[in-house]
N, C-alpha and C. Protein backbone atom coordinates (compact mmCIF):
# COMPACT_ATOMS: atom_id res chain seq x y z
N MET A 1 0.83 -1.21 0.02
CA MET A 1 -0.07 0.04 -0.02
C MET A 1 0.85 1.24 0.01
N SER A 2 0.64 2.17 -0.91
CA SER A 2 1.43 3.36 -1.04
C SER A 2 0.87 4.49 -0.09
N LEU A 3 1.82 5.26 0.49
CA LEU A 3 1.40 6.35 1.27
C LEU A 3 1.48 7.66 0.54
N VAL A 4 0.56 8.50 0.58
CA VAL A 4 0.60 9.77 -0.06
C VAL A 4 0.87 10.89 0.97
N PRO A 5 1.88 11.76 0.81
CA PRO A 5 2.18 12.71 1.84
C PRO A 5 1.11 13.73 1.90
N PRO A 6 0.75 14.30 3.03
CA PRO A 6 -0.23 15.30 3.21
C PRO A 6 0.05 16.55 2.28
N VAL A 7 -1.05 17.06 1.84
CA VAL A 7 -0.93 18.23 0.89
C VAL A 7 -0.21 19.32 1.63
N ARG A 8 -0.54 19.67 2.82
CA ARG A 8 0.13 20.72 3.52
C ARG A 8 1.61 20.54 3.68
N SER A 9 2.06 19.27 3.83
CA SER A 9 3.45 19.11 3.96
C SER A 9 4.23 19.37 2.60
N VAL A 10 3.52 18.90 1.50
CA VAL A 10 4.00 19.21 0.15
C VAL A 10 4.14 20.72 -0.10
N VAL A 11 3.07 21.43 0.23
CA VAL A 11 3.10 22.92 0.11
C VAL A 11 4.21 23.56 0.94
N LYS A 12 4.37 23.03 2.19
CA LYS A 12 5.37 23.58 3.00
C LYS A 12 6.75 23.38 2.42
N SER A 13 7.07 22.19 1.97
CA SER A 13 8.35 21.91 1.33
C SER A 13 8.65 22.82 0.11
N ARG A 14 7.66 22.91 -0.76
CA ARG A 14 7.79 23.70 -1.98
C ARG A 14 7.93 25.17 -1.68
N VAL A 15 7.16 25.66 -0.76
CA VAL A 15 7.31 27.11 -0.45
C VAL A 15 8.67 27.53 0.16
N LEU A 16 9.15 26.58 1.03
CA LEU A 16 10.43 26.87 1.57
C LEU A 16 11.50 26.72 0.56
N LEU A 17 11.37 25.76 -0.30
CA LEU A 17 12.45 25.55 -1.30
C LEU A 17 12.49 26.75 -2.19
N ILE A 18 11.33 27.19 -2.70
CA ILE A 18 11.32 28.39 -3.60
C ILE A 18 11.85 29.63 -2.89
N THR A 19 11.47 29.89 -1.59
CA THR A 19 11.93 31.07 -0.95
C THR A 19 13.38 31.02 -0.71
N TRP A 20 13.94 29.85 -0.23
CA TRP A 20 15.37 29.87 0.01
C TRP A 20 16.18 29.86 -1.27
N ALA A 21 15.70 29.22 -2.31
CA ALA A 21 16.43 29.20 -3.61
C ALA A 21 16.52 30.59 -4.15
N LEU A 22 15.45 31.30 -4.17
CA LEU A 22 15.41 32.66 -4.73
C LEU A 22 16.30 33.56 -3.82
N ALA A 23 16.19 33.50 -2.55
CA ALA A 23 17.02 34.31 -1.71
C ALA A 23 18.56 34.06 -1.83
N LEU A 24 18.93 32.77 -1.99
CA LEU A 24 20.26 32.40 -2.18
C LEU A 24 20.86 32.91 -3.49
N LEU A 25 20.06 32.59 -4.64
CA LEU A 25 20.56 32.98 -5.89
C LEU A 25 20.62 34.54 -6.09
N LEU A 26 19.67 35.21 -5.59
CA LEU A 26 19.65 36.63 -5.67
C LEU A 26 20.77 37.29 -4.82
N ALA A 27 21.00 36.75 -3.64
CA ALA A 27 22.03 37.30 -2.82
C ALA A 27 23.43 36.97 -3.39
N LEU A 28 23.65 35.79 -3.89
CA LEU A 28 24.87 35.50 -4.51
C LEU A 28 25.30 36.37 -5.65
N TYR A 29 24.29 36.66 -6.59
CA TYR A 29 24.47 37.57 -7.69
C TYR A 29 24.75 39.05 -7.23
N LEU A 30 24.02 39.46 -6.30
CA LEU A 30 24.25 40.84 -5.83
C LEU A 30 25.52 41.04 -5.11
N ILE A 31 25.96 40.17 -4.27
CA ILE A 31 27.19 40.13 -3.65
C ILE A 31 28.37 40.12 -4.61
N GLU A 32 28.25 39.38 -5.69
CA GLU A 32 29.21 39.32 -6.72
C GLU A 32 29.31 40.74 -7.38
N ASN A 33 28.11 41.31 -7.70
CA ASN A 33 28.08 42.58 -8.37
C ASN A 33 28.66 43.71 -7.43
N LEU A 34 28.28 43.68 -6.19
CA LEU A 34 28.70 44.74 -5.34
C LEU A 34 30.07 44.77 -4.83
N TRP A 35 30.60 43.59 -4.56
CA TRP A 35 31.96 43.54 -3.95
C TRP A 35 32.99 42.56 -4.59
N VAL A 36 32.54 41.41 -5.04
CA VAL A 36 33.45 40.44 -5.62
C VAL A 36 33.90 40.82 -6.99
N ASP A 37 33.05 41.40 -7.85
CA ASP A 37 33.39 41.65 -9.24
C ASP A 37 34.52 42.62 -9.35
N ARG A 38 34.65 43.61 -8.51
CA ARG A 38 35.73 44.58 -8.63
C ARG A 38 37.07 43.85 -8.24
N TRP A 39 37.00 42.97 -7.29
CA TRP A 39 38.22 42.24 -6.87
C TRP A 39 38.64 41.32 -8.12
N ILE A 40 37.69 40.68 -8.71
CA ILE A 40 38.01 39.80 -9.88
C ILE A 40 38.58 40.58 -11.03
N GLN A 41 38.00 41.72 -11.34
CA GLN A 41 38.48 42.50 -12.42
C GLN A 41 39.90 43.09 -12.15
N ALA A 42 40.19 43.30 -10.93
CA ALA A 42 41.51 43.90 -10.64
C ALA A 42 42.60 42.87 -10.77
N ARG A 43 42.15 41.55 -10.70
CA ARG A 43 43.22 40.51 -10.79
C ARG A 43 43.16 39.69 -12.05
N PHE A 44 42.03 39.75 -12.67
CA PHE A 44 41.82 38.98 -13.93
C PHE A 44 41.20 39.91 -14.95
N ALA A 45 41.94 40.84 -15.54
CA ALA A 45 41.37 41.90 -16.28
C ALA A 45 40.65 41.34 -17.60
N GLY A 46 41.04 40.19 -18.02
CA GLY A 46 40.43 39.63 -19.25
C GLY A 46 39.04 39.04 -19.10
N LEU A 47 38.65 38.79 -17.88
CA LEU A 47 37.37 38.11 -17.51
C LEU A 47 36.23 39.19 -17.73
N PRO A 48 35.10 38.77 -18.41
CA PRO A 48 33.95 39.68 -18.55
C PRO A 48 33.35 39.92 -17.19
N SER A 49 32.90 41.23 -17.08
CA SER A 49 32.17 41.68 -15.87
C SER A 49 30.76 41.23 -15.85
N LEU A 50 30.26 40.83 -14.72
CA LEU A 50 28.84 40.51 -14.60
C LEU A 50 27.97 41.72 -14.18
N VAL A 51 28.57 42.87 -13.96
CA VAL A 51 27.92 44.08 -13.54
C VAL A 51 27.40 44.70 -14.71
N PRO A 52 26.01 44.91 -14.87
CA PRO A 52 25.51 45.60 -16.01
C PRO A 52 25.71 47.07 -15.97
N GLU A 53 25.97 47.69 -17.14
CA GLU A 53 26.25 49.14 -17.17
C GLU A 53 24.93 49.87 -16.84
N ALA A 54 25.07 50.98 -16.07
CA ALA A 54 23.94 51.77 -15.53
C ALA A 54 22.91 52.09 -16.69
N LEU A 55 21.71 51.80 -16.40
CA LEU A 55 20.57 52.28 -17.22
C LEU A 55 20.63 51.70 -18.61
N THR A 56 21.38 50.61 -18.86
CA THR A 56 21.26 49.89 -20.11
C THR A 56 20.15 48.84 -20.12
N PRO A 57 19.80 48.30 -21.33
CA PRO A 57 18.80 47.21 -21.27
C PRO A 57 19.12 46.11 -20.31
N ALA A 58 20.38 45.67 -20.23
CA ALA A 58 20.77 44.65 -19.37
C ALA A 58 20.50 45.02 -17.88
N TRP A 59 20.82 46.26 -17.56
CA TRP A 59 20.51 46.74 -16.21
C TRP A 59 19.07 46.69 -15.79
N PHE A 60 18.21 47.19 -16.74
CA PHE A 60 16.79 47.20 -16.57
C PHE A 60 16.22 45.73 -16.34
N VAL A 61 16.76 44.81 -17.22
CA VAL A 61 16.35 43.42 -17.05
C VAL A 61 16.66 42.93 -15.70
N MET A 62 17.86 43.17 -15.19
CA MET A 62 18.36 42.67 -13.84
C MET A 62 17.44 43.38 -12.84
N PHE A 63 17.16 44.73 -12.97
CA PHE A 63 16.33 45.38 -11.99
C PHE A 63 14.98 44.79 -11.91
N VAL A 64 14.31 44.50 -13.05
CA VAL A 64 12.98 43.91 -13.01
C VAL A 64 13.04 42.48 -12.46
N LEU A 65 14.02 41.68 -12.82
CA LEU A 65 14.07 40.30 -12.35
C LEU A 65 14.31 40.29 -10.83
N GLY A 66 15.15 41.25 -10.30
CA GLY A 66 15.35 41.37 -8.83
C GLY A 66 14.08 41.80 -8.22
N GLY A 67 13.38 42.73 -8.76
CA GLY A 67 12.08 43.18 -8.21
C GLY A 67 11.06 42.02 -8.13
N ILE A 68 10.95 41.34 -9.16
CA ILE A 68 10.04 40.15 -9.20
C ILE A 68 10.49 39.16 -8.15
N ALA A 69 11.74 38.86 -8.09
CA ALA A 69 12.21 37.89 -7.10
C ALA A 69 11.88 38.32 -5.61
N CYS A 70 11.99 39.61 -5.31
CA CYS A 70 11.65 40.17 -4.05
C CYS A 70 10.22 39.99 -3.70
N VAL A 71 9.34 40.31 -4.70
CA VAL A 71 7.93 40.23 -4.45
C VAL A 71 7.51 38.79 -4.23
N VAL A 72 8.07 37.80 -5.07
CA VAL A 72 7.78 36.45 -4.90
C VAL A 72 8.19 35.98 -3.51
N MET A 73 9.41 36.42 -3.12
CA MET A 73 9.96 35.93 -1.76
C MET A 73 9.05 36.49 -0.65
N VAL A 74 8.60 37.68 -0.73
CA VAL A 74 7.66 38.27 0.24
C VAL A 74 6.39 37.45 0.37
N VAL A 75 5.85 37.13 -0.85
CA VAL A 75 4.57 36.38 -0.84
C VAL A 75 4.82 34.98 -0.24
N CYS A 76 5.93 34.37 -0.44
CA CYS A 76 6.23 33.00 0.00
C CYS A 76 6.51 33.15 1.57
N LEU A 77 7.12 34.28 2.01
CA LEU A 77 7.32 34.48 3.44
C LEU A 77 6.04 34.59 4.21
N VAL A 78 5.06 35.24 3.59
CA VAL A 78 3.71 35.37 4.17
C VAL A 78 3.03 33.98 4.32
N LEU A 79 3.26 33.15 3.31
CA LEU A 79 2.77 31.79 3.40
C LEU A 79 3.46 30.94 4.42
N VAL A 80 4.72 31.15 4.55
CA VAL A 80 5.53 30.47 5.56
C VAL A 80 5.08 30.86 6.93
N ALA A 81 4.88 32.19 7.14
CA ALA A 81 4.53 32.73 8.43
C ALA A 81 3.08 32.20 8.88
N ARG A 82 2.28 31.92 7.92
CA ARG A 82 0.82 31.47 8.24
C ARG A 82 0.81 29.95 8.30
N HIS A 83 1.87 29.27 7.96
CA HIS A 83 1.86 27.83 7.98
C HIS A 83 2.04 27.25 9.36
N GLY A 84 1.08 26.48 9.83
CA GLY A 84 1.11 26.01 11.19
C GLY A 84 2.15 24.87 11.51
N ARG A 85 2.65 24.16 10.50
CA ARG A 85 3.58 23.14 10.70
C ARG A 85 5.09 23.52 10.53
N ILE A 86 5.39 24.83 10.22
CA ILE A 86 6.67 25.31 10.25
C ILE A 86 7.03 25.87 11.48
N SER A 87 8.16 25.43 12.05
CA SER A 87 8.63 25.92 13.44
C SER A 87 8.92 27.49 13.47
N LEU A 88 8.88 27.94 14.65
CA LEU A 88 9.22 29.43 14.77
C LEU A 88 10.63 29.71 14.29
N ARG A 89 11.51 28.80 14.54
CA ARG A 89 12.88 29.02 14.10
C ARG A 89 12.95 29.04 12.56
N GLY A 90 12.29 28.13 12.01
CA GLY A 90 12.22 28.17 10.57
C GLY A 90 11.64 29.44 9.86
N LYS A 91 10.59 29.91 10.58
CA LYS A 91 9.99 31.14 10.05
C LYS A 91 10.97 32.32 10.25
N VAL A 92 11.65 32.33 11.35
CA VAL A 92 12.58 33.47 11.63
C VAL A 92 13.78 33.47 10.63
N CYS A 93 14.32 32.25 10.53
CA CYS A 93 15.41 32.14 9.53
C CYS A 93 15.03 32.49 8.16
N THR A 94 13.87 32.01 7.77
CA THR A 94 13.38 32.41 6.38
C THR A 94 13.13 33.88 6.26
N GLY A 95 12.62 34.46 7.25
CA GLY A 95 12.38 35.92 7.21
C GLY A 95 13.67 36.77 7.09
N ILE A 96 14.75 36.30 7.85
CA ILE A 96 16.03 36.96 7.81
C ILE A 96 16.60 36.84 6.42
N ALA A 97 16.47 35.68 5.80
CA ALA A 97 17.03 35.43 4.43
C ALA A 97 16.28 36.29 3.44
N VAL A 98 15.04 36.43 3.55
CA VAL A 98 14.22 37.22 2.58
C VAL A 98 14.52 38.69 2.76
N VAL A 99 14.55 39.22 3.94
CA VAL A 99 14.88 40.61 4.30
C VAL A 99 16.34 40.95 3.81
N GLY A 100 17.17 40.05 4.04
CA GLY A 100 18.62 40.22 3.71
C GLY A 100 18.80 40.30 2.16
N ALA A 101 18.08 39.43 1.44
CA ALA A 101 18.15 39.56 -0.05
C ALA A 101 17.58 40.77 -0.57
N CYS A 102 16.36 41.17 0.01
CA CYS A 102 15.72 42.41 -0.49
C CYS A 102 16.56 43.65 -0.21
N VAL A 103 17.18 43.73 0.96
CA VAL A 103 18.08 44.84 1.27
C VAL A 103 19.24 44.87 0.35
N LEU A 104 19.87 43.74 0.05
CA LEU A 104 20.91 43.65 -0.93
C LEU A 104 20.50 44.22 -2.29
N TRP A 105 19.31 43.86 -2.69
CA TRP A 105 18.77 44.32 -3.99
C TRP A 105 18.69 45.87 -4.01
N GLY A 106 18.24 46.46 -2.83
CA GLY A 106 18.16 47.88 -2.70
C GLY A 106 19.53 48.56 -2.75
N VAL A 107 20.50 47.96 -2.12
CA VAL A 107 21.89 48.43 -2.11
C VAL A 107 22.43 48.39 -3.58
N TRP A 108 22.13 47.21 -4.23
CA TRP A 108 22.60 47.11 -5.60
C TRP A 108 21.97 48.16 -6.57
N PHE A 109 20.66 48.45 -6.39
CA PHE A 109 20.06 49.50 -7.13
C PHE A 109 20.75 50.82 -6.93
N SER A 110 20.99 51.20 -5.66
CA SER A 110 21.58 52.46 -5.41
C SER A 110 23.03 52.59 -5.88
N ALA A 111 23.75 51.41 -6.00
CA ALA A 111 25.21 51.40 -6.36
C ALA A 111 25.26 51.29 -7.87
N THR A 112 24.30 50.86 -8.60
CA THR A 112 24.51 50.63 -10.06
C THR A 112 23.65 51.52 -10.99
N ASN A 113 22.79 52.42 -10.37
CA ASN A 113 21.85 53.18 -11.17
C ASN A 113 22.39 54.37 -11.80
N GLY A 114 23.78 54.65 -11.55
CA GLY A 114 24.41 55.78 -12.15
C GLY A 114 24.38 56.96 -11.36
N THR A 115 23.74 57.01 -10.23
CA THR A 115 23.64 58.12 -9.35
C THR A 115 24.47 57.81 -8.10
N THR A 116 25.75 58.47 -8.03
CA THR A 116 26.57 58.24 -6.97
C THR A 116 26.34 59.18 -5.80
N PRO A 117 26.72 58.90 -4.64
CA PRO A 117 26.58 59.87 -3.47
C PRO A 117 27.29 61.15 -3.73
N ALA A 118 28.49 61.06 -4.38
CA ALA A 118 29.23 62.21 -4.63
C ALA A 118 28.52 63.22 -5.58
N ALA A 119 27.82 62.64 -6.64
CA ALA A 119 27.08 63.43 -7.50
C ALA A 119 25.86 64.05 -6.85
N ALA A 120 25.17 63.25 -5.96
CA ALA A 120 24.08 63.79 -5.27
C ALA A 120 24.43 64.89 -4.31
N ALA A 121 25.61 64.95 -3.78
CA ALA A 121 26.03 65.87 -2.85
C ALA A 121 26.71 67.13 -3.59
N GLY A 122 26.75 67.09 -4.90
CA GLY A 122 27.34 68.15 -5.68
C GLY A 122 28.82 68.17 -5.59
N GLN A 123 29.37 67.08 -5.26
CA GLN A 123 30.87 67.02 -5.16
C GLN A 123 31.46 66.70 -6.63
N HIS A 124 32.66 66.63 -6.71
CA HIS A 124 33.41 66.40 -7.89
C HIS A 124 32.97 65.14 -8.59
N LYS A 125 32.74 65.18 -9.91
CA LYS A 125 32.37 64.04 -10.66
C LYS A 125 33.50 63.76 -11.65
N HIS A 126 33.78 62.53 -11.90
CA HIS A 126 34.71 62.13 -12.91
C HIS A 126 34.15 62.24 -14.31
N SER A 127 35.00 62.59 -15.30
CA SER A 127 34.57 62.49 -16.72
C SER A 127 35.70 62.03 -17.49
N VAL A 128 35.34 61.69 -18.73
CA VAL A 128 36.40 61.19 -19.75
C VAL A 128 36.19 61.93 -20.92
N THR A 129 37.26 62.57 -21.46
CA THR A 129 37.20 63.37 -22.70
C THR A 129 37.88 62.49 -23.77
N LEU A 130 37.25 62.23 -24.86
CA LEU A 130 37.71 61.41 -25.96
C LEU A 130 38.11 62.25 -27.19
N THR A 131 39.17 61.98 -27.86
CA THR A 131 39.40 62.66 -29.05
C THR A 131 39.84 61.58 -30.10
N TRP A 132 39.59 61.77 -31.37
CA TRP A 132 39.98 60.84 -32.37
C TRP A 132 40.22 61.56 -33.67
N ASN A 133 40.89 60.84 -34.56
CA ASN A 133 41.25 61.35 -35.90
C ASN A 133 40.06 61.37 -36.84
N ALA A 134 39.96 62.47 -37.57
CA ALA A 134 38.83 62.57 -38.47
C ALA A 134 38.86 61.47 -39.56
N SER A 135 37.67 61.04 -40.06
CA SER A 135 37.68 60.02 -41.11
C SER A 135 38.15 60.61 -42.38
N THR A 136 38.78 59.84 -43.18
CA THR A 136 39.29 60.25 -44.51
C THR A 136 38.16 60.38 -45.45
N SER A 137 36.99 59.85 -45.17
CA SER A 137 35.84 59.86 -46.11
C SER A 137 34.95 61.03 -45.63
N THR A 138 33.98 61.35 -46.56
CA THR A 138 33.01 62.36 -46.17
C THR A 138 31.99 61.79 -45.22
N VAL A 139 31.80 62.40 -43.99
CA VAL A 139 30.93 61.86 -43.11
C VAL A 139 29.98 62.98 -42.55
N ALA A 140 28.90 62.56 -42.00
CA ALA A 140 27.90 63.44 -41.42
C ALA A 140 28.29 63.83 -40.03
N GLY A 141 28.88 62.79 -39.38
CA GLY A 141 29.30 62.98 -37.91
C GLY A 141 29.79 61.67 -37.37
N TYR A 142 29.80 61.51 -36.04
CA TYR A 142 30.26 60.36 -35.30
C TYR A 142 29.36 59.94 -34.22
N ASN A 143 29.34 58.61 -33.94
CA ASN A 143 28.66 58.14 -32.79
C ASN A 143 29.79 57.52 -31.83
N VAL A 144 29.54 57.73 -30.49
CA VAL A 144 30.51 57.17 -29.55
C VAL A 144 29.87 56.00 -28.74
N TYR A 145 30.52 54.98 -28.64
CA TYR A 145 29.98 53.81 -27.93
C TYR A 145 30.90 53.43 -26.74
N ARG A 146 30.30 52.87 -25.76
CA ARG A 146 31.07 52.51 -24.48
C ARG A 146 30.61 51.22 -24.04
N SER A 147 31.52 50.49 -23.39
CA SER A 147 31.21 49.15 -22.77
C SER A 147 32.15 49.00 -21.56
N THR A 148 31.77 48.07 -20.73
CA THR A 148 32.70 47.66 -19.63
C THR A 148 33.36 46.36 -19.91
N VAL A 149 33.06 45.76 -21.12
CA VAL A 149 33.61 44.52 -21.52
C VAL A 149 34.36 44.82 -22.82
N LYS A 150 35.60 44.32 -22.92
CA LYS A 150 36.32 44.52 -24.09
C LYS A 150 35.79 43.83 -25.34
N GLY A 151 35.53 44.50 -26.44
CA GLY A 151 35.17 43.90 -27.65
C GLY A 151 33.68 43.53 -27.88
N ARG A 152 32.80 43.87 -26.93
CA ARG A 152 31.41 43.58 -27.16
C ARG A 152 30.54 44.42 -26.17
N ASP A 153 29.28 44.27 -26.42
CA ASP A 153 28.23 45.01 -25.56
C ASP A 153 28.45 46.49 -25.48
N TYR A 154 28.81 47.07 -26.64
CA TYR A 154 28.99 48.52 -26.72
C TYR A 154 27.54 49.17 -26.78
N VAL A 155 27.47 50.26 -26.08
CA VAL A 155 26.18 51.03 -26.01
C VAL A 155 26.49 52.53 -26.39
N LYS A 156 25.62 53.05 -27.34
CA LYS A 156 25.89 54.47 -27.70
C LYS A 156 25.54 55.43 -26.63
N ILE A 157 26.49 56.33 -26.38
CA ILE A 157 26.31 57.29 -25.14
C ILE A 157 26.07 58.68 -25.60
N ASN A 158 26.25 59.00 -26.94
CA ASN A 158 25.93 60.41 -27.31
C ASN A 158 24.49 60.44 -27.78
N ALA A 159 23.80 61.43 -27.23
CA ALA A 159 22.26 61.62 -27.46
C ALA A 159 22.09 62.13 -28.92
N ALA A 160 23.04 62.95 -29.38
CA ALA A 160 22.92 63.54 -30.76
C ALA A 160 24.18 63.24 -31.50
N LEU A 161 24.09 63.16 -32.79
CA LEU A 161 25.35 62.85 -33.64
C LEU A 161 26.36 63.96 -33.35
N VAL A 162 27.63 63.55 -33.10
CA VAL A 162 28.75 64.42 -32.86
C VAL A 162 29.16 65.00 -34.24
N THR A 163 28.94 66.28 -34.39
CA THR A 163 29.24 66.92 -35.71
C THR A 163 30.20 68.14 -35.38
N GLY A 164 30.98 68.39 -36.44
CA GLY A 164 31.86 69.59 -36.45
C GLY A 164 33.07 69.50 -35.52
N GLN A 165 33.30 68.34 -34.90
CA GLN A 165 34.42 68.15 -33.97
C GLN A 165 34.75 66.61 -33.97
N THR A 166 35.85 66.38 -33.41
CA THR A 166 36.30 64.99 -33.26
C THR A 166 36.76 64.79 -31.80
N SER A 167 35.78 65.14 -30.93
CA SER A 167 36.00 64.92 -29.45
C SER A 167 34.59 64.78 -28.78
N TYR A 168 34.68 64.18 -27.63
CA TYR A 168 33.40 63.93 -26.87
C TYR A 168 33.79 63.83 -25.36
N LYS A 169 32.94 64.44 -24.51
CA LYS A 169 33.12 64.32 -23.05
C LYS A 169 32.09 63.46 -22.46
N ASP A 170 32.49 62.35 -21.91
CA ASP A 170 31.60 61.46 -21.22
C ASP A 170 31.53 61.77 -19.70
N GLU A 171 30.37 62.26 -19.29
CA GLU A 171 30.26 62.71 -17.83
C GLU A 171 29.47 61.70 -17.09
N THR A 172 29.20 60.58 -17.54
CA THR A 172 28.32 59.58 -16.86
C THR A 172 29.17 58.33 -16.33
N VAL A 173 30.54 58.53 -16.29
CA VAL A 173 31.31 57.44 -15.80
C VAL A 173 31.28 57.24 -14.23
N GLN A 174 31.57 56.10 -13.83
CA GLN A 174 31.64 55.77 -12.32
C GLN A 174 32.96 55.48 -11.94
N SER A 175 33.36 55.90 -10.61
CA SER A 175 34.64 55.75 -10.14
C SER A 175 35.00 54.28 -9.95
N GLY A 176 36.24 53.92 -10.25
CA GLY A 176 36.62 52.57 -10.11
C GLY A 176 36.20 51.56 -11.19
N THR A 177 35.72 52.13 -12.31
CA THR A 177 35.26 51.27 -13.41
C THR A 177 36.21 51.45 -14.59
N THR A 178 36.48 50.34 -15.30
CA THR A 178 37.16 50.40 -16.56
C THR A 178 36.21 50.45 -17.72
N TYR A 179 36.46 51.32 -18.66
CA TYR A 179 35.59 51.50 -19.81
C TYR A 179 36.29 51.31 -21.11
N TYR A 180 35.64 50.74 -22.05
CA TYR A 180 36.20 50.60 -23.42
C TYR A 180 35.38 51.45 -24.45
N TYR A 181 36.03 52.37 -25.11
CA TYR A 181 35.30 53.25 -26.03
C TYR A 181 35.64 52.97 -27.51
N VAL A 182 34.65 53.09 -28.44
CA VAL A 182 34.96 53.06 -29.84
C VAL A 182 34.04 54.10 -30.49
N THR A 183 34.51 54.52 -31.62
CA THR A 183 33.70 55.53 -32.38
C THR A 183 33.36 54.85 -33.74
N ARG A 184 32.19 55.48 -34.30
CA ARG A 184 31.81 54.96 -35.64
C ARG A 184 31.43 56.19 -36.42
N ALA A 185 32.00 56.29 -37.63
CA ALA A 185 31.65 57.35 -38.59
C ALA A 185 30.27 57.12 -39.14
N VAL A 186 29.47 58.20 -39.33
CA VAL A 186 28.13 58.11 -39.88
C VAL A 186 28.03 58.88 -41.11
N ASP A 187 27.63 58.22 -42.22
CA ASP A 187 27.49 59.05 -43.50
C ASP A 187 26.16 59.80 -43.56
N ALA A 188 25.89 60.46 -44.71
CA ALA A 188 24.69 61.26 -44.86
C ALA A 188 23.43 60.44 -44.79
N LYS A 189 23.50 59.13 -45.06
CA LYS A 189 22.32 58.25 -45.06
C LYS A 189 22.14 57.55 -43.70
N GLY A 190 22.93 57.93 -42.76
CA GLY A 190 22.80 57.33 -41.45
C GLY A 190 23.51 56.02 -41.24
N ARG A 191 24.28 55.60 -42.21
CA ARG A 191 24.98 54.36 -42.07
C ARG A 191 26.25 54.50 -41.31
N GLU A 192 26.51 53.57 -40.47
CA GLU A 192 27.72 53.64 -39.53
C GLU A 192 28.82 52.77 -40.14
N SER A 193 30.06 53.22 -39.87
CA SER A 193 31.22 52.49 -40.25
C SER A 193 31.48 51.38 -39.19
N LEU A 194 32.52 50.58 -39.35
CA LEU A 194 32.93 49.62 -38.45
C LEU A 194 33.55 50.28 -37.25
N ASP A 195 33.64 49.61 -36.12
CA ASP A 195 34.22 50.16 -34.91
C ASP A 195 35.65 50.58 -35.16
N SER A 196 35.97 51.71 -34.51
CA SER A 196 37.37 52.15 -34.53
C SER A 196 38.14 51.20 -33.54
N ALA A 197 39.45 51.41 -33.52
CA ALA A 197 40.18 50.75 -32.38
C ALA A 197 39.74 51.19 -31.08
N ASP A 198 39.59 50.26 -30.11
CA ASP A 198 39.01 50.71 -28.81
C ASP A 198 40.10 51.48 -27.98
N VAL A 199 39.52 52.31 -27.13
CA VAL A 199 40.38 53.03 -26.16
C VAL A 199 39.96 52.58 -24.78
N VAL A 200 40.91 52.29 -23.96
CA VAL A 200 40.64 51.82 -22.62
C VAL A 200 40.91 52.95 -21.61
N VAL A 201 39.88 53.13 -20.71
CA VAL A 201 40.03 54.23 -19.71
C VAL A 201 39.59 53.65 -18.37
N LYS A 202 40.52 53.68 -17.42
CA LYS A 202 40.14 53.28 -16.02
C LYS A 202 39.90 54.50 -15.22
N VAL A 203 38.69 54.67 -14.71
CA VAL A 203 38.31 55.83 -13.93
C VAL A 203 38.85 55.65 -12.49
N PRO A 204 39.56 56.55 -11.96
CA PRO A 204 40.19 56.38 -10.53
C PRO A 204 38.96 56.48 -9.60
């Protein structure tokens, strides 16, 4: 004769598993972004960074996923708190895990959204001034692209086409970050050239 586990026990196990799995995965990713990634980049410069550049599509994806994870964890925590067969110790530990992961998500948002404490206080902000040689072809202007990963994931940072000059000032850099810049010439039809040779800038 087979025994079927009580439905409440199955729900208890699944809710706890989902809550702890989300809290652990989210916390590990956020800790890597906030503290471990900088250490890795300082010692292994060739490795790609897992920190998304501020306000890029990748950043918004991670922001939304983190928010969804926090909402799901809070809902699971409510279910855990109301479950009669979960011990008080289990409920407290689960609550600490959920609160810790959500706090880390808030710290990550503050640290990666491009608004630094120094900027908010009106203190000195870092900037990068780029210059390049003019194209030998007739062009309408230039676009400037930036990435934190060498050779890929470049994002255009100039709001309008750079015309009449071969320089650009990037005032959205973050301290302690290494950036890779390339430029592309744009013709009268809006077609871009291939990437120029990249320029590496480490912001102090």
